[in-house]
Amino acid sequence: MEVSNQEMIIRRARLVEVMGPNDDRSRVRILPEMAEIETNVLPCYPPFFKGEVIVGSTEKNATKSDPALEVWVICTPSFRSGFVMGVASRYTGFASKHAYSYNFDAFVKAISSRGVTPKGLKYENFVVTHWNARSIMGIDRTTGDVFTVLHNGTMSVIGESVVYFRVGADSDAYSSIRMTRESISIETPKLDIKAKEVSFGKTGIALAGIVGGSFSSEGRSIVPIDGVHG
């Protein structure tokens, strides 16, 4: 595929090397023109958009299950100057569904199972900022709600009416915090609070306290708390 004007052309390329810290360029192999070119003479292009960095599996570290990333580049016809535009999608047929689409229904099911699905969340309003086999991140453009969901059940939802954080899946030990305007709910196998003072409410009444030095009980260290207040 080629799109050109008087100055630039678009080409598909394979990521060969990410140059590293303090150099955000990527070395690329433009296809098919550079298929047999030695690595050390391949071009290095910066990201097309300022503030973005293109990273991923490269020819140097690719595996069978994680092949080198393919990207779109825009460059001069001589290939001397150019930019990496982003990760290239794959064409999978004119009449069929795009095979590399994310699973919106599975995403909605995952957050709905935690009771945090925003009312009216629709595919056409969900802006995906990143997704792969292990995670998805996105924003509901109508409400501004922000979502991050990982493959193992870990997620964060920051919404107009609820903020929800969770680590782990139901089949395993997990911890979660749910915050609304009316309440905060914490679920966890173990809650560990380290503080000199703990307050409940605003009455100013001293409810309890542990004084003295640290001591052990049943194999656990007990640390003094100056006061627990209501």
C-alpha atoms as a PDB file:
ATOM      1  CA  MET A   1       0.000   0.000   0.000  1.00  0.00           C
ATOM      2  CA  GLU A   2       1.331   3.451  -0.875  1.00  0.00           C
ATOM      3  CA  VAL A   3      -0.092   6.916  -0.298  1.00  0.00           C
ATOM      4  CA  SER A   4       2.075   9.711  -1.620  1.00  0.00           C
ATOM      5  CA  ASN A   5       2.208  13.388  -2.377  1.00  0.00           C
ATOM      6  CA  GLN A   6       5.112  15.438  -3.642  1.00  0.00           C
ATOM      7  CA  GLU A   7       7.182  14.848  -0.517  1.00  0.00           C
ATOM      8  CA  MET A   8       6.243  11.772   1.526  1.00  0.00           C
ATOM      9  CA  ILE A   9       5.111   8.179   1.081  1.00  0.00           C
ATOM     10  CA  ILE A  10       3.572   5.679   3.522  1.00  0.00           C
ATOM     11  CA  ARG A  11       5.094   2.227   3.929  1.00  0.00           C
ATOM     12  CA  ARG A  12       4.626  -0.816   6.122  1.00  0.00           C
ATOM     13  CA  ALA A  13       7.724  -1.711   8.152  1.00  0.00           C
ATOM     14  CA  ARG A  14       8.910  -4.161  10.785  1.00  0.00           C
ATOM     15  CA  LEU A  15      10.304  -2.946  14.098  1.00  0.00           C
ATOM     16  CA  VAL A  16      13.973  -3.934  14.245  1.00  0.00           C
ATOM     17  CA  GLU A  17      15.239  -2.106  17.310  1.00  0.00           C
ATOM     18  CA  VAL A  18      14.041   0.434  19.867  1.00  0.00           C
ATOM     19  CA  MET A  19      17.018   2.711  20.309  1.00  0.00           C
ATOM     20  CA  GLY A  20      16.609   3.106  24.071  1.00  0.00           C
ATOM     21  CA  PRO A  21      16.517   5.695  26.886  1.00  0.00           C
ATOM     22  CA  ASN A  22      17.154   9.286  25.772  1.00  0.00           C
ATOM     23  CA  ASP A  23      16.665   8.287  22.124  1.00  0.00           C
ATOM     24  CA  ASP A  24      13.011   7.616  21.238  1.00  0.00           C
ATOM     25  CA  ARG A  25      13.701   6.616  17.631  1.00  0.00           C
ATOM     26  CA  SER A  26      13.019   3.171  16.224  1.00  0.00           C
ATOM     27  CA  ARG A  27      15.106   1.287  13.674  1.00  0.00           C
ATOM     28  CA  VAL A  28      12.760  -0.133  11.049  1.00  0.00           C
ATOM     29  CA  ARG A  29      12.873  -2.496   8.092  1.00  0.00           C
ATOM     30  CA  ILE A  30      10.680  -1.062   5.335  1.00  0.00           C
ATOM     31  CA  LEU A  31       8.920  -3.816   3.403  1.00  0.00           C
ATOM     32  CA  PRO A  32       9.484  -5.118   0.842  1.00  0.00           C
ATOM     33  CA  GLU A  33      12.307  -2.758  -0.169  1.00  0.00           C
ATOM     34  CA  MET A  34      14.591  -3.503   2.797  1.00  0.00           C
ATOM     35  CA  ALA A  35      13.785  -7.174   3.390  1.00  0.00           C
ATOM     36  CA  GLU A  36      17.400  -8.249   2.801  1.00  0.00           C
ATOM     37  CA  ILE A  37      19.218  -5.115   4.008  1.00  0.00           C
ATOM     38  CA  GLU A  38      21.819  -5.398   6.807  1.00  0.00           C
ATOM     39  CA  THR A  39      20.490  -4.214  10.162  1.00  0.00           C
ATOM     40  CA  ASN A  40      23.173  -1.580  10.789  1.00  0.00           C
ATOM     41  CA  VAL A  41      22.226   0.429   7.681  1.00  0.00           C
ATOM     42  CA  LEU A  42      18.461   0.440   8.239  1.00  0.00           C
ATOM     43  CA  PRO A  43      16.857   3.841   8.953  1.00  0.00           C
ATOM     44  CA  CYS A  44      16.022   5.144  12.433  1.00  0.00           C
ATOM     45  CA  TYR A  45      12.858   7.255  12.615  1.00  0.00           C
ATOM     46  CA  PRO A  46      11.327   9.221  15.502  1.00  0.00           C
ATOM     47  CA  PRO A  47       7.622   8.922  16.452  1.00  0.00           C
ATOM     48  CA  PHE A  48       5.230  10.828  14.183  1.00  0.00           C
ATOM     49  CA  PHE A  49       3.369  12.398  17.117  1.00  0.00           C
ATOM     50  CA  LYS A  50       5.280  14.335  19.762  1.00  0.00           C
ATOM     51  CA  GLY A  51       4.890  12.793  23.209  1.00  0.00           C
ATOM     52  CA  GLU A  52       4.449   9.237  21.913  1.00  0.00           C
ATOM     53  CA  VAL A  53       7.043   6.460  21.967  1.00  0.00           C
ATOM     54  CA  ILE A  54       6.695   3.349  19.812  1.00  0.00           C
ATOM     55  CA  VAL A  55       7.822   0.204  21.634  1.00  0.00           C
ATOM     56  CA  GLY A  56       7.146  -3.501  21.254  1.00  0.00           C
ATOM     57  CA  SER A  57       8.663  -6.788  20.205  1.00  0.00           C
ATOM     58  CA  THR A  58      11.529  -6.275  17.754  1.00  0.00           C
ATOM     59  CA  GLU A  59      13.527  -8.431  15.350  1.00  0.00           C
ATOM     60  CA  LYS A  60      16.207  -8.602  18.035  1.00  0.00           C
ATOM     61  CA  ASN A  61      13.989 -10.102  20.747  1.00  0.00           C
ATOM     62  CA  ALA A  62      11.036 -11.604  18.831  1.00  0.00           C
ATOM     63  CA  THR A  63       9.736 -15.080  19.629  1.00  0.00           C
ATOM     64  CA  LYS A  64       7.326 -17.399  17.836  1.00  0.00           C
ATOM     65  CA  SER A  65       4.498 -16.356  20.163  1.00  0.00           C
ATOM     66  CA  ASP A  66       5.478 -12.667  20.119  1.00  0.00           C
ATOM     67  CA  PRO A  67       6.756 -11.772  16.624  1.00  0.00           C
ATOM     68  CA  ALA A  68       8.327  -8.451  15.705  1.00  0.00           C
ATOM     69  CA  LEU A  69       5.849  -5.600  15.615  1.00  0.00           C
ATOM     70  CA  GLU A  70       4.773  -4.188  12.264  1.00  0.00           C
ATOM     71  CA  VAL A  71       4.312  -0.415  12.016  1.00  0.00           C
ATOM     72  CA  TRP A  72       3.331   2.236   9.516  1.00  0.00           C
ATOM     73  CA  VAL A  73       6.012   4.759   8.591  1.00  0.00           C
ATOM     74  CA  ILE A  74       5.787   7.968   6.580  1.00  0.00           C
ATOM     75  CA  CYS A  75       9.031   8.851   4.827  1.00  0.00           C
ATOM     76  CA  THR A  76      10.684  10.439   1.829  1.00  0.00           C
ATOM     77  CA  PRO A  77      10.917   8.299  -1.336  1.00  0.00           C
ATOM     78  CA  SER A  78      14.648   7.899  -0.660  1.00  0.00           C
ATOM     79  CA  PHE A  79      13.865   6.624   2.896  1.00  0.00           C
ATOM     80  CA  ARG A  80      16.481   9.001   4.309  1.00  0.00           C
ATOM     81  CA  SER A  81      13.971  10.867   6.492  1.00  0.00           C
ATOM     82  CA  GLY A  82      10.776   9.658   8.067  1.00  0.00           C
ATOM     83  CA  PHE A  83       8.569   9.030  11.102  1.00  0.00           C
ATOM     84  CA  VAL A  84       6.988   5.981  12.735  1.00  0.00           C
ATOM     85  CA  MET A  85       3.230   6.597  12.759  1.00  0.00           C
ATOM     86  CA  GLY A  86       2.087   3.663  14.886  1.00  0.00           C
ATOM     87  CA  VAL A  87       1.365  -0.045  15.042  1.00  0.00           C
ATOM     88  CA  ALA A  88      -0.011  -1.475  11.800  1.00  0.00           C
ATOM     89  CA  SER A  89      -3.309  -3.312  11.769  1.00  0.00           C
ATOM     90  CA  ARG A  90      -3.846  -6.273   9.466  1.00  0.00           C
ATOM     91  CA  TYR A  91      -6.326  -6.521   6.628  1.00  0.00           C
ATOM     92  CA  THR A  92      -8.433  -9.650   7.039  1.00  0.00           C
ATOM     93  CA  GLY A  93     -10.881  -9.476   4.168  1.00  0.00           C
ATOM     94  CA  PHE A  94     -13.436  -7.106   2.679  1.00  0.00           C
ATOM     95  CA  ALA A  95     -16.608  -8.977   3.567  1.00  0.00           C
ATOM     96  CA  SER A  96     -15.668 -10.481   6.941  1.00  0.00           C
ATOM     97  CA  LYS A  97     -15.396  -9.017  10.432  1.00  0.00           C
ATOM     98  CA  HIS A  98     -11.979  -7.617  11.266  1.00  0.00           C
ATOM     99  CA  ALA A  99     -10.202 -10.539  12.943  1.00  0.00           C
ATOM    100  CA  TYR A 100      -8.117  -8.300  15.208  1.00  0.00           C
ATOM    101  CA  SER A 101     -10.998  -6.438  16.850  1.00  0.00           C
ATOM    102  CA  TYR A 102     -11.184  -6.259  20.646  1.00  0.00           C
ATOM    103  CA  ASN A 103     -14.001  -8.062  22.471  1.00  0.00           C
ATOM    104  CA  PHE A 104     -16.320  -5.281  23.681  1.00  0.00           C
ATOM    105  CA  ASP A 105     -18.859  -7.737  25.121  1.00  0.00           C
ATOM    106  CA  ALA A 106     -16.186  -9.462  27.238  1.00  0.00           C
ATOM    107  CA  PHE A 107     -14.989  -6.065  28.485  1.00  0.00           C
ATOM    108  CA  VAL A 108     -18.510  -5.039  29.527  1.00  0.00           C
ATOM    109  CA  LYS A 109     -19.074  -8.424  31.179  1.00  0.00           C
ATOM    110  CA  ALA A 110     -15.863  -8.055  33.192  1.00  0.00           C
ATOM    111  CA  ILE A 111     -16.760  -4.665  34.666  1.00  0.00           C
ATOM    112  CA  SER A 112     -20.470  -5.532  35.018  1.00  0.00           C
ATOM    113  CA  SER A 113     -19.551  -8.521  37.198  1.00  0.00           C
ATOM    114  CA  ARG A 114     -18.130  -5.991  39.685  1.00  0.00           C
ATOM    115  CA  GLY A 115     -21.259  -3.848  39.623  1.00  0.00           C
ATOM    116  CA  VAL A 116     -19.524  -0.825  38.150  1.00  0.00           C
ATOM    117  CA  THR A 117     -20.889  -0.634  34.597  1.00  0.00           C
ATOM    118  CA  PRO A 118     -21.784   2.983  33.811  1.00  0.00           C
ATOM    119  CA  LYS A 119     -25.339   3.422  32.611  1.00  0.00           C
ATOM    120  CA  GLY A 120     -25.523   3.684  28.850  1.00  0.00           C
ATOM    121  CA  LEU A 121     -21.993   2.519  28.001  1.00  0.00           C
ATOM    122  CA  LYS A 122     -22.029   1.799  24.254  1.00  0.00           C
ATOM    123  CA  TYR A 123     -19.467   0.520  21.785  1.00  0.00           C
ATOM    124  CA  GLU A 124     -19.683   3.676  19.678  1.00  0.00           C
ATOM    125  CA  ASN A 125     -18.894   5.856  22.710  1.00  0.00           C
ATOM    126  CA  PHE A 126     -16.008   3.812  24.131  1.00  0.00           C
ATOM    127  CA  VAL A 127     -12.648   5.239  23.011  1.00  0.00           C
ATOM    128  CA  VAL A 128      -9.983   2.525  23.259  1.00  0.00           C
ATOM    129  CA  THR A 129      -6.564   3.994  24.092  1.00  0.00           C
ATOM    130  CA  HIS A 130      -4.772   0.636  24.294  1.00  0.00           C
ATOM    131  CA  TRP A 131      -5.579  -3.047  24.046  1.00  0.00           C
ATOM    132  CA  ASN A 132      -3.853  -6.383  23.596  1.00  0.00           C
ATOM    133  CA  ALA A 133      -4.388  -9.941  24.808  1.00  0.00           C
ATOM    134  CA  ARG A 134      -3.539  -8.971  28.398  1.00  0.00           C
ATOM    135  CA  SER A 135      -5.222  -5.612  28.989  1.00  0.00           C
ATOM    136  CA  ILE A 136      -7.550  -2.908  27.711  1.00  0.00           C
ATOM    137  CA  MET A 137      -7.698   0.788  28.557  1.00  0.00           C
ATOM    138  CA  GLY A 138     -10.321   3.269  27.436  1.00  0.00           C
ATOM    139  CA  ILE A 139     -12.599   6.213  28.094  1.00  0.00           C
ATOM    140  CA  ASP A 140     -16.357   6.662  27.753  1.00  0.00           C
ATOM    141  CA  ARG A 141     -16.399   9.845  25.687  1.00  0.00           C
ATOM    142  CA  THR A 142     -19.905  10.794  26.864  1.00  0.00           C
ATOM    143  CA  THR A 143     -19.172  10.656  30.611  1.00  0.00           C
ATOM    144  CA  GLY A 144     -15.377  10.804  30.890  1.00  0.00           C
ATOM    145  CA  ASP A 145     -15.303   7.531  32.867  1.00  0.00           C
ATOM    146  CA  VAL A 146     -11.878   5.852  32.644  1.00  0.00           C
ATOM    147  CA  PHE A 147     -11.327   2.059  32.589  1.00  0.00           C
ATOM    148  CA  THR A 148      -8.359  -0.279  32.857  1.00  0.00           C
ATOM    149  CA  VAL A 149      -8.989  -4.054  32.848  1.00  0.00           C
ATOM    150  CA  LEU A 150      -6.277  -6.729  32.959  1.00  0.00           C
ATOM    151  CA  HIS A 151      -6.629 -10.358  31.890  1.00  0.00           C
ATOM    152  CA  ASN A 152      -6.344 -11.683  35.474  1.00  0.00           C
ATOM    153  CA  GLY A 153      -9.260  -9.649  36.878  1.00  0.00           C
ATOM    154  CA  THR A 154      -7.263  -6.684  38.148  1.00  0.00           C
ATOM    155  CA  MET A 155      -9.018  -3.445  37.164  1.00  0.00           C
ATOM    156  CA  SER A 156      -9.601   0.200  37.921  1.00  0.00           C
ATOM    157  CA  VAL A 157     -12.693   2.241  37.147  1.00  0.00           C
ATOM    158  CA  ILE A 158     -12.822   5.984  37.745  1.00  0.00           C
ATOM    159  CA  GLY A 159     -16.353   7.186  37.091  1.00  0.00           C
ATOM    160  CA  GLU A 160     -18.771   9.980  37.879  1.00  0.00           C
ATOM    161  CA  SER A 161     -20.560   7.961  40.562  1.00  0.00           C
ATOM    162  CA  VAL A 162     -18.075   5.270  41.583  1.00  0.00           C
ATOM    163  CA  VAL A 163     -14.335   4.680  41.896  1.00  0.00           C
ATOM    164  CA  TYR A 164     -13.359   1.012  41.990  1.00  0.00           C
ATOM    165  CA  PHE A 165      -9.983  -0.671  42.332  1.00  0.00           C
ATOM    166  CA  ARG A 166      -9.429  -4.418  42.379  1.00  0.00           C
ATOM    167  CA  VAL A 167      -6.424  -6.767  42.389  1.00  0.00           C
ATOM    168  CA  GLY A 168      -7.015 -10.442  41.558  1.00  0.00           C
ATOM    169  CA  ALA A 169      -9.845 -12.657  40.320  1.00  0.00           C
ATOM    170  CA  ASP A 170     -12.727 -14.403  42.120  1.00  0.00           C
ATOM    171  CA  SER A 171     -10.999 -17.768  41.813  1.00  0.00           C
ATOM    172  CA  ASP A 172      -8.059 -16.455  43.810  1.00  0.00           C
ATOM    173  CA  ALA A 173      -7.500 -14.236  46.813  1.00  0.00           C
ATOM    174  CA  TYR A 174      -8.352 -10.652  45.856  1.00  0.00           C
ATOM    175  CA  SER A 175      -8.626  -7.173  47.354  1.00  0.00           C
ATOM    176  CA  SER A 176     -10.946  -4.379  46.282  1.00  0.00           C
ATOM    177  CA  ILE A 177     -11.983  -0.862  47.234  1.00  0.00           C
ATOM    178  CA  ARG A 178     -15.280   0.666  46.084  1.00  0.00           C
ATOM    179  CA  MET A 179     -15.958   4.354  46.723  1.00  0.00           C
ATOM    180  CA  THR A 180     -19.177   6.274  46.134  1.00  0.00           C
ATOM    181  CA  ARG A 181     -20.478   9.559  47.535  1.00  0.00           C
ATOM    182  CA  GLU A 182     -22.250   7.636  50.293  1.00  0.00           C
ATOM    183  CA  SER A 183     -19.804   4.891  51.265  1.00  0.00           C
ATOM    184  CA  ILE A 184     -16.451   3.149  50.998  1.00  0.00           C
ATOM    185  CA  SER A 185     -16.331  -0.646  50.867  1.00  0.00           C
ATOM    186  CA  ILE A 186     -13.144  -2.677  51.334  1.00  0.00           C
ATOM    187  CA  GLU A 187     -12.785  -6.418  50.686  1.00  0.00           C
ATOM    188  CA  THR A 188      -9.474  -8.132  51.412  1.00  0.00           C
ATOM    189  CA  PRO A 189      -8.075 -11.284  53.024  1.00  0.00           C
ATOM    190  CA  LYS A 190      -5.941  -9.125  55.320  1.00  0.00           C
ATOM    191  CA  LEU A 191      -6.109  -5.438  56.255  1.00  0.00           C
ATOM    192  CA  ASP A 192      -2.875  -3.985  57.594  1.00  0.00           C
ATOM    193  CA  ILE A 193      -2.979  -0.400  58.912  1.00  0.00           C
ATOM    194  CA  LYS A 194       0.163   1.323  60.150  1.00  0.00           C
ATOM    195  CA  ALA A 195      -0.673   4.637  61.819  1.00  0.00           C
ATOM    196  CA  LYS A 196       0.040   6.602  64.994  1.00  0.00           C
ATOM    197  CA  GLU A 197      -3.579   7.666  65.199  1.00  0.00           C
ATOM    198  CA  VAL A 198      -6.837   6.344  63.745  1.00  0.00           C
ATOM    199  CA  SER A 199     -10.010   8.483  63.610  1.00  0.00           C
ATOM    200  CA  PHE A 200     -13.626   7.431  63.077  1.00  0.00           C
ATOM    201  CA  GLY A 201     -16.026  10.329  62.622  1.00  0.00           C
ATOM    202  CA  LYS A 202     -15.597  13.791  64.131  1.00  0.00           C
ATOM    203  CA  THR A 203     -16.862  13.454  67.708  1.00  0.00           C
ATOM    204  CA  GLY A 204     -13.437  13.846  69.262  1.00  0.00           C
ATOM    205  CA  ILE A 205     -14.137  10.978  71.679  1.00  0.00           C
ATOM    206  CA  ALA A 206     -11.224   8.644  72.398  1.00  0.00           C
ATOM    207  CA  LEU A 207     -12.408   5.089  71.718  1.00  0.00           C
ATOM    208  CA  ALA A 208      -9.283   3.025  72.282  1.00  0.00           C
ATOM    209  CA  GLY A 209      -5.525   2.991  72.208  1.00  0.00           C
ATOM    210  CA  ILE A 210      -2.525   0.720  72.513  1.00  0.00           C
ATOM    211  CA  VAL A 211       0.374   2.058  74.549  1.00  0.00           C
ATOM    212  CA  GLY A 212       3.843   0.834  75.350  1.00  0.00           C
ATOM    213  CA  GLY A 213       6.444  -0.746  73.115  1.00  0.00           C
ATOM    214  CA  SER A 214       6.030  -3.205  70.284  1.00  0.00           C
ATOM    215  CA  PHE A 215       5.383  -6.828  71.244  1.00  0.00           C
ATOM    216  CA  SER A 216       4.640 -10.145  69.578  1.00  0.00           C
ATOM    217  CA  SER A 217       1.544 -12.275  69.830  1.00  0.00           C
ATOM    218  CA  GLU A 218       0.984 -15.567  68.017  1.00  0.00           C
ATOM    219  CA  GLY A 219       3.905 -14.812  65.741  1.00  0.00           C
ATOM    220  CA  ARG A 220       2.662 -11.315  64.845  1.00  0.00           C
ATOM    221  CA  SER A 221       4.208  -7.972  65.745  1.00  0.00           C
ATOM    222  CA  ILE A 222       1.882  -5.537  67.523  1.00  0.00           C
ATOM    223  CA  VAL A 223       2.835  -1.879  67.013  1.00  0.00           C
ATOM    224  CA  PRO A 224       1.502   0.804  69.413  1.00  0.00           C
ATOM    225  CA  ILE A 225      -1.230   3.188  68.248  1.00  0.00           C
ATOM    226  CA  ASP A 226      -1.445   6.428  70.207  1.00  0.00           C
ATOM    227  CA  GLY A 227      -5.198   6.697  69.899  1.00  0.00           C
ATOM    228  CA  VAL A 228      -8.360   5.609  68.109  1.00  0.00           C
ATOM    229  CA  HIS A 229     -10.939   8.408  68.012  1.00  0.00           C
ATOM    230  CA  GLY A 230     -14.609   8.625  67.140  1.00  0.00           C
END
